[in-house]
């Protein structure tokens, strides 16, 4: 009996310490891992968010880039960290869907992570160089049919929304093109500008290159035409019932305490409504879309439910 009471006291003390720790959170700098290279839209916009969120939390947020695998490397890393709120990560669509593409990826998004908040959606476009003879999606499809496997397109990685959308489009129209993945949207854009690839399907790191006339936007993969680029039709308008999946949010390892989640959520929600973040979304063509932890969890699950069966039916490599 004495032993049982001692256990209860010990347990209660442990819970009390945990709550006290939550109340003092954060008491040291927080690491925010971004799964794409420096200078891209994900990196730059999370840096803008982190600058304001750190002020709200009273501790610095240090952004660390861990690019690779369509951001799956960064999420694999964060899933193995201690769930104390000092290691969080940007979650994008590629990291959600990559496990259905690459069997060696050893995390489960729904089981190994704690969703914190969604902050925005990527807006994806199909582009060519300004001097390209390809003037439309029909031109690209025609060339791909004439030269199977010879039309190359760049993206920021395997499993990204743009990669999957191109594979689905190719499957629907009966063409085969070659995917050339890079570690960031900036690298994918540079590849197109150099002429290393024929076309690019990419989130809107391309905005400045379209605005300065070096690239030409042909189509967007969004539900509606993109603000500021209304001349580019959606794939749906072009006759293909395809909209790219789109997630950009914040997660931590499984087991984050609700109070910690709430504090991080509140800080980043406040950071969304700032001139710095709005400037970044305009520069990189992101669409602000806030969802709290519960809404974000459901949104992730819906994305998996919609796209996992599609991936199984695609010849994606």
Protein backbone atom coordinates (compact mmCIF):
# COMPACT_ATOMS: atom_id res chain seq x y z
CA UNK A 1 0.00 0.00 0.00
CA UNK A 2 2.81 2.39 0.94
CA UNK A 3 4.51 1.50 -2.33
CA UNK A 4 1.32 2.23 -4.30
CA UNK A 5 0.91 5.62 -2.60
CA UNK A 6 4.54 6.41 -3.34
CA UNK A 7 3.98 5.60 -7.01
CA UNK A 8 0.96 7.89 -7.12
CA UNK A 9 2.92 10.69 -5.53
CA UNK A 10 5.77 10.15 -7.96
CA UNK A 11 3.39 10.11 -10.89
CA UNK A 12 1.61 13.23 -9.71
CA UNK A 13 4.93 14.96 -9.24
CA UNK A 14 5.93 14.02 -12.76
CA UNK A 15 2.72 15.43 -14.18
CA UNK A 16 3.17 18.58 -12.15
CA UNK A 17 6.69 19.00 -13.48
CA UNK A 18 5.46 18.49 -17.05
CA UNK A 19 2.79 21.17 -16.63
CA UNK A 20 5.31 23.51 -15.06
CA UNK A 21 7.62 22.91 -18.02
CA UNK A 22 4.77 23.71 -20.42
CA UNK A 23 4.06 26.92 -18.51
CA UNK A 24 7.68 27.99 -18.89
CA UNK A 25 7.86 27.08 -22.56
CA UNK A 26 9.85 28.22 -24.41
CA UNK A 27 12.91 28.76 -22.24
CA UNK A 28 15.53 28.34 -24.97
CA UNK A 29 15.82 28.73 -28.77
CA UNK A 30 13.63 26.61 -31.05
CA UNK A 31 14.90 24.82 -34.15
CA UNK A 32 12.67 25.04 -37.23
CA UNK A 33 13.70 22.56 -39.91
CA UNK A 34 12.86 23.35 -43.55
CA UNK A 35 13.10 20.53 -46.06
CA UNK A 36 14.12 22.64 -49.04
CA UNK A 37 17.23 24.63 -49.88
CA UNK A 38 17.85 28.22 -48.85
CA UNK A 39 16.33 30.95 -51.02
CA UNK A 40 13.20 29.11 -52.15
CA UNK A 41 9.63 30.03 -51.29
CA UNK A 42 9.28 27.56 -48.40
CA UNK A 43 12.56 28.66 -46.84
CA UNK A 44 12.07 32.41 -47.25
CA UNK A 45 8.45 32.49 -46.11
CA UNK A 46 9.12 30.37 -43.03
CA UNK A 47 12.00 32.67 -42.17
CA UNK A 48 9.56 35.60 -42.40
CA UNK A 49 7.10 33.77 -40.15
CA UNK A 50 9.82 32.74 -37.70
CA UNK A 51 11.00 36.34 -37.26
CA UNK A 52 7.61 37.44 -35.93
CA UNK A 53 6.78 34.19 -34.12
CA UNK A 54 10.04 34.37 -32.18
CA UNK A 55 9.03 37.79 -30.88
CA UNK A 56 5.67 36.41 -29.73
CA UNK A 57 7.32 33.43 -28.02
CA UNK A 58 10.17 35.41 -26.48
CA UNK A 59 12.81 33.05 -27.86
CA UNK A 60 14.69 32.92 -31.14
CA UNK A 61 13.60 30.43 -33.81
CA UNK A 62 16.58 29.13 -35.72
CA UNK A 63 15.82 27.93 -39.26
CA UNK A 64 17.87 24.97 -40.44
CA UNK A 65 17.69 23.66 -44.01
CA UNK A 66 17.69 19.88 -44.50
CA UNK A 67 16.81 19.49 -48.21
CA UNK A 68 16.23 16.25 -50.05
CA UNK A 69 13.61 13.69 -50.94
CA UNK A 70 10.86 16.21 -51.60
CA UNK A 71 11.34 17.36 -47.97
CA UNK A 72 10.93 13.82 -46.60
CA UNK A 73 14.45 13.87 -45.13
CA UNK A 74 13.57 16.80 -42.87
CA UNK A 75 10.34 15.16 -41.68
CA UNK A 76 12.11 11.87 -41.03
CA UNK A 77 14.55 13.81 -38.89
CA UNK A 78 11.90 15.69 -36.93
CA UNK A 79 9.88 12.53 -36.28
CA UNK A 80 12.85 11.17 -34.30
CA UNK A 81 13.30 14.21 -32.06
CA UNK A 82 12.12 14.67 -28.49
CA UNK A 83 8.55 16.07 -28.37
CA UNK A 84 9.40 19.04 -26.17
CA UNK A 85 8.58 21.85 -28.61
CA UNK A 86 12.19 22.77 -29.35
CA UNK A 87 12.33 20.90 -32.66
CA UNK A 88 9.61 21.65 -35.20
CA UNK A 89 9.45 21.47 -38.98
CA UNK A 90 7.79 22.82 -42.08
CA UNK A 91 5.48 20.20 -43.56
CA UNK A 92 4.80 20.30 -47.28
CA UNK A 93 2.88 18.05 -49.63
CA UNK A 94 5.96 16.19 -50.79
CA UNK A 95 6.72 14.93 -47.29
CA UNK A 96 3.10 13.82 -46.83
CA UNK A 97 2.96 11.78 -50.02
CA UNK A 98 6.57 10.60 -50.42
CA UNK A 99 6.04 7.53 -48.18
CA UNK A 100 3.59 6.23 -50.79
CA UNK A 101 6.27 6.66 -53.47
CA UNK A 102 9.42 5.52 -51.70
CA UNK A 103 9.15 2.35 -49.58
CA UNK A 104 12.37 3.15 -47.69
CA UNK A 105 10.86 6.24 -46.05
CA UNK A 106 10.36 5.16 -42.46
CA UNK A 107 7.86 7.61 -41.00
CA UNK A 108 4.06 7.73 -40.95
CA UNK A 109 2.75 11.29 -41.16
CA UNK A 110 -0.44 10.50 -39.25
CA UNK A 111 1.25 8.44 -36.53
CA UNK A 112 4.69 9.99 -36.03
CA UNK A 113 3.95 13.73 -36.09
CA UNK A 114 1.92 16.32 -34.22
CA UNK A 115 0.26 18.79 -36.61
CA UNK A 116 0.47 22.33 -35.24
CA UNK A 117 -1.00 24.66 -37.89
CA UNK A 118 -1.32 25.14 -41.62
CA UNK A 119 -0.18 28.53 -42.88
CA UNK A 120 -0.49 28.57 -46.68
CA UNK A 121 -0.95 26.68 -49.91
CA UNK A 122 1.51 26.39 -52.73
CA UNK A 123 0.39 27.54 -56.17
CA UNK A 124 1.93 25.47 -58.93
CA UNK A 125 2.50 26.44 -62.53
CA UNK A 126 3.76 24.97 -65.80
CA UNK A 127 6.45 27.11 -67.43
CA UNK A 128 8.82 27.39 -70.36
CA UNK A 129 11.58 29.84 -71.19
CA UNK A 130 10.43 33.03 -72.85
CA UNK A 131 12.23 32.05 -76.07
CA UNK A 132 10.79 28.51 -76.15
CA UNK A 133 8.91 27.45 -79.28
CA UNK A 134 6.42 25.73 -76.95
CA UNK A 135 3.56 28.19 -76.64
CA UNK A 136 0.87 26.08 -74.94
CA UNK A 137 0.15 22.88 -73.05
CA UNK A 138 -1.05 21.38 -76.33
CA UNK A 139 2.38 22.09 -77.85
CA UNK A 140 4.09 20.29 -74.96
CA UNK A 141 1.81 17.26 -75.22
CA UNK A 142 2.29 17.11 -78.98
CA UNK A 143 6.09 17.19 -78.61
CA UNK A 144 5.99 14.54 -75.89
CA UNK A 145 3.96 12.26 -78.17
CA UNK A 146 6.39 12.79 -81.02
CA UNK A 147 9.44 12.18 -78.80
CA UNK A 148 8.47 9.80 -75.96
CA UNK A 149 10.61 10.31 -72.88
CA UNK A 150 12.58 13.17 -74.44
CA UNK A 151 10.66 16.12 -72.95
CA UNK A 152 12.27 16.83 -69.55
CA UNK A 153 10.65 18.80 -66.74
CA UNK A 154 12.21 20.10 -63.53
CA UNK A 155 10.67 20.20 -60.04
CA UNK A 156 11.86 20.64 -56.47
CA UNK A 157 11.79 16.91 -55.83
CA UNK A 158 10.19 13.49 -56.09
CA UNK A 159 6.73 13.34 -54.55
CA UNK A 160 6.09 17.07 -54.69
CA UNK A 161 2.61 18.19 -55.80
CA UNK A 162 3.98 19.37 -59.13
CA UNK A 163 5.71 16.04 -59.77
CA UNK A 164 2.58 14.03 -59.02
CA UNK A 165 0.40 16.34 -61.08
CA UNK A 166 2.68 16.01 -64.10
CA UNK A 167 2.67 12.23 -63.76
CA UNK A 168 -1.12 12.17 -63.53
CA UNK A 169 -1.41 14.52 -66.50
CA UNK A 170 0.97 12.37 -68.53
CA UNK A 171 -1.05 9.29 -67.64
CA UNK A 172 -4.30 10.95 -68.72
CA UNK A 173 -2.99 12.16 -72.08
CA UNK A 174 -0.92 9.06 -72.76
CA UNK A 175 2.55 10.61 -72.89
CA UNK A 176 5.83 9.90 -71.18
CA UNK A 177 8.12 12.69 -70.10
CA UNK A 178 11.26 12.70 -67.99
CA UNK A 179 11.27 14.04 -64.46
CA UNK A 180 14.42 15.88 -63.33
CA UNK A 181 14.17 16.57 -59.56
CA UNK A 182 16.17 19.24 -57.73
CA UNK A 183 16.44 20.19 -54.05
CA UNK A 184 14.62 23.52 -54.28
CA UNK A 185 12.38 25.56 -56.52
CA UNK A 186 15.23 27.98 -57.12
CA UNK A 187 17.42 25.16 -58.49
CA UNK A 188 14.55 23.88 -60.63
CA UNK A 189 14.04 27.39 -62.01
CA UNK A 190 17.74 27.82 -62.75
CA UNK A 191 17.71 24.52 -64.66
CA UNK A 192 14.95 25.83 -66.91
CA UNK A 193 16.65 29.19 -67.37
CA UNK A 194 19.90 27.44 -68.38
CA UNK A 195 18.06 25.22 -70.83
CA UNK A 196 18.88 22.00 -68.98
CA UNK A 197 15.19 21.03 -69.19
CA UNK A 198 12.40 21.86 -71.63
CA UNK A 199 9.71 22.78 -69.12
CA UNK A 200 9.22 23.25 -65.41
CA UNK A 201 6.34 22.33 -63.12
CA UNK A 202 6.94 24.17 -59.88
CA UNK A 203 5.55 26.12 -56.99
CA UNK A 204 5.75 29.81 -57.58
CA UNK A 205 9.40 30.55 -56.95
CA UNK A 206 9.19 31.39 -60.66
CA UNK A 207 7.16 34.58 -60.03
CA UNK A 208 10.09 37.03 -60.39
CA UNK A 209 11.30 35.31 -63.59
CA UNK A 210 7.85 35.59 -65.16
CA UNK A 211 7.59 39.21 -64.10
CA UNK A 212 10.98 40.10 -65.60
CA UNK A 213 10.17 38.28 -68.83
CA UNK A 214 12.64 35.40 -68.69
CA UNK A 215 10.02 32.68 -68.20
CA UNK A 216 6.51 32.23 -69.58
CA UNK A 217 3.68 30.79 -67.51
CA UNK A 218 1.41 28.50 -69.56
CA UNK A 219 -0.95 26.94 -67.02
CA UNK A 220 -1.58 26.76 -63.29
CA UNK A 221 -2.45 23.63 -61.30
CA UNK A 222 -4.77 25.44 -58.86
CA UNK A 223 -8.56 25.37 -58.52
CA UNK A 224 -8.87 28.93 -59.82
CA UNK A 225 -6.66 31.19 -61.89
CA UNK A 226 -3.81 32.67 -59.89
CA UNK A 227 -4.11 36.26 -58.71
CA UNK A 228 -1.76 38.46 -60.71
CA UNK A 229 -1.37 35.82 -63.44
CA UNK A 230 -4.93 35.59 -64.69
CA UNK A 231 -3.86 34.96 -68.30
CA UNK A 232 -2.74 31.43 -67.41
CA UNK A 233 -5.66 28.95 -67.44
CA UNK A 234 -6.04 26.11 -64.96
CA UNK A 235 -5.64 22.50 -66.02
CA UNK A 236 -9.37 22.09 -65.48
CA UNK A 237 -10.03 24.86 -67.99
CA UNK A 238 -7.64 23.13 -70.39
CA UNK A 239 -9.83 20.03 -70.22
CA UNK A 240 -8.10 17.98 -67.48
CA UNK A 241 -9.81 17.43 -64.13
CA UNK A 242 -6.61 17.79 -62.10
CA UNK A 243 -5.78 20.12 -59.21
CA UNK A 244 -2.42 19.76 -57.45
CA UNK A 245 -2.50 18.81 -53.76
CA UNK A 246 -1.22 21.65 -51.61
CA UNK A 247 0.01 21.72 -48.01
CA UNK A 248 2.33 24.10 -46.19
CA UNK A 249 2.23 23.93 -42.43
CA UNK A 250 4.04 23.31 -39.20
CA UNK A 251 4.50 20.02 -37.30
CA UNK A 252 6.43 18.57 -34.39
CA UNK A 253 7.28 15.06 -33.27
CA UNK A 254 4.49 12.82 -31.99
CA UNK A 255 3.52 13.58 -28.41
CA UNK A 256 3.77 17.37 -28.26
CA UNK A 257 1.79 18.67 -25.29
CA UNK A 258 -1.42 20.55 -26.26
CA UNK A 259 -0.29 23.67 -24.37
CA UNK A 260 2.95 23.75 -26.34
CA UNK A 261 1.05 23.25 -29.61
CA UNK A 262 -1.26 26.13 -28.69
CA UNK A 263 1.64 28.49 -27.95
CA UNK A 264 3.41 27.73 -31.23
CA UNK A 265 0.13 27.92 -33.15
CA UNK A 266 -0.76 31.32 -31.68
CA UNK A 267 2.68 32.74 -32.47
CA UNK A 268 2.65 31.61 -36.09
CA UNK A 269 -1.00 32.59 -36.61
CA UNK A 270 -0.06 36.12 -35.54
CA UNK A 271 2.95 36.01 -37.87
CA UNK A 272 0.73 35.25 -40.87
CA UNK A 273 -0.94 38.64 -40.60
CA UNK A 274 2.18 40.75 -41.05
CA UNK A 275 3.55 42.84 -43.94
CA UNK A 276 6.70 40.67 -43.97
CA UNK A 277 4.78 37.45 -44.62
CA UNK A 278 2.42 39.09 -47.12
CA UNK A 279 5.44 40.40 -49.02
CA UNK A 280 6.87 36.88 -49.13
CA UNK A 281 3.62 35.28 -50.29
CA UNK A 282 3.43 37.87 -53.06
CA UNK A 283 7.04 37.30 -54.07
CA UNK A 284 6.71 33.51 -54.20
CA UNK A 285 3.06 33.18 -55.16
CA UNK A 286 1.81 31.47 -52.00
CA UNK A 287 -1.83 31.62 -50.94
CA UNK A 288 -2.41 32.22 -47.23
CA UNK A 289 -4.59 29.49 -45.71
CA UNK A 290 -4.60 29.16 -41.92
CA UNK A 291 -5.90 26.01 -40.23
CA UNK A 292 -5.58 25.11 -36.56
CA UNK A 293 -4.18 21.77 -35.38
CA UNK A 294 -7.45 19.82 -35.67
CA UNK A 295 -8.34 21.29 -39.07
CA UNK A 296 -4.80 20.74 -40.32
CA UNK A 297 -4.83 17.10 -39.18
CA UNK A 298 -8.03 16.47 -41.13
CA UNK A 299 -6.68 18.30 -44.18
CA UNK A 300 -3.57 16.10 -44.20
CA UNK A 301 -5.72 12.96 -43.92
CA UNK A 302 -7.97 14.12 -46.77
CA UNK A 303 -4.91 14.72 -48.96
CA UNK A 304 -3.65 11.20 -48.26
CA UNK A 305 -7.08 9.69 -48.91
CA UNK A 306 -7.29 11.49 -52.26
CA UNK A 307 -3.75 11.03 -53.58
CA UNK A 308 -2.43 7.75 -52.16
CA UNK A 309 -4.70 5.70 -54.47
CA UNK A 310 -3.64 7.88 -57.40
CA UNK A 311 0.04 7.24 -56.68
CA UNK A 312 -0.53 3.48 -56.64
CA UNK A 313 -1.94 3.67 -60.16
CA UNK A 314 0.83 5.85 -61.55
CA UNK A 315 4.21 4.77 -62.85
CA UNK A 316 6.06 7.31 -60.70
CA UNK A 317 9.83 7.27 -60.35
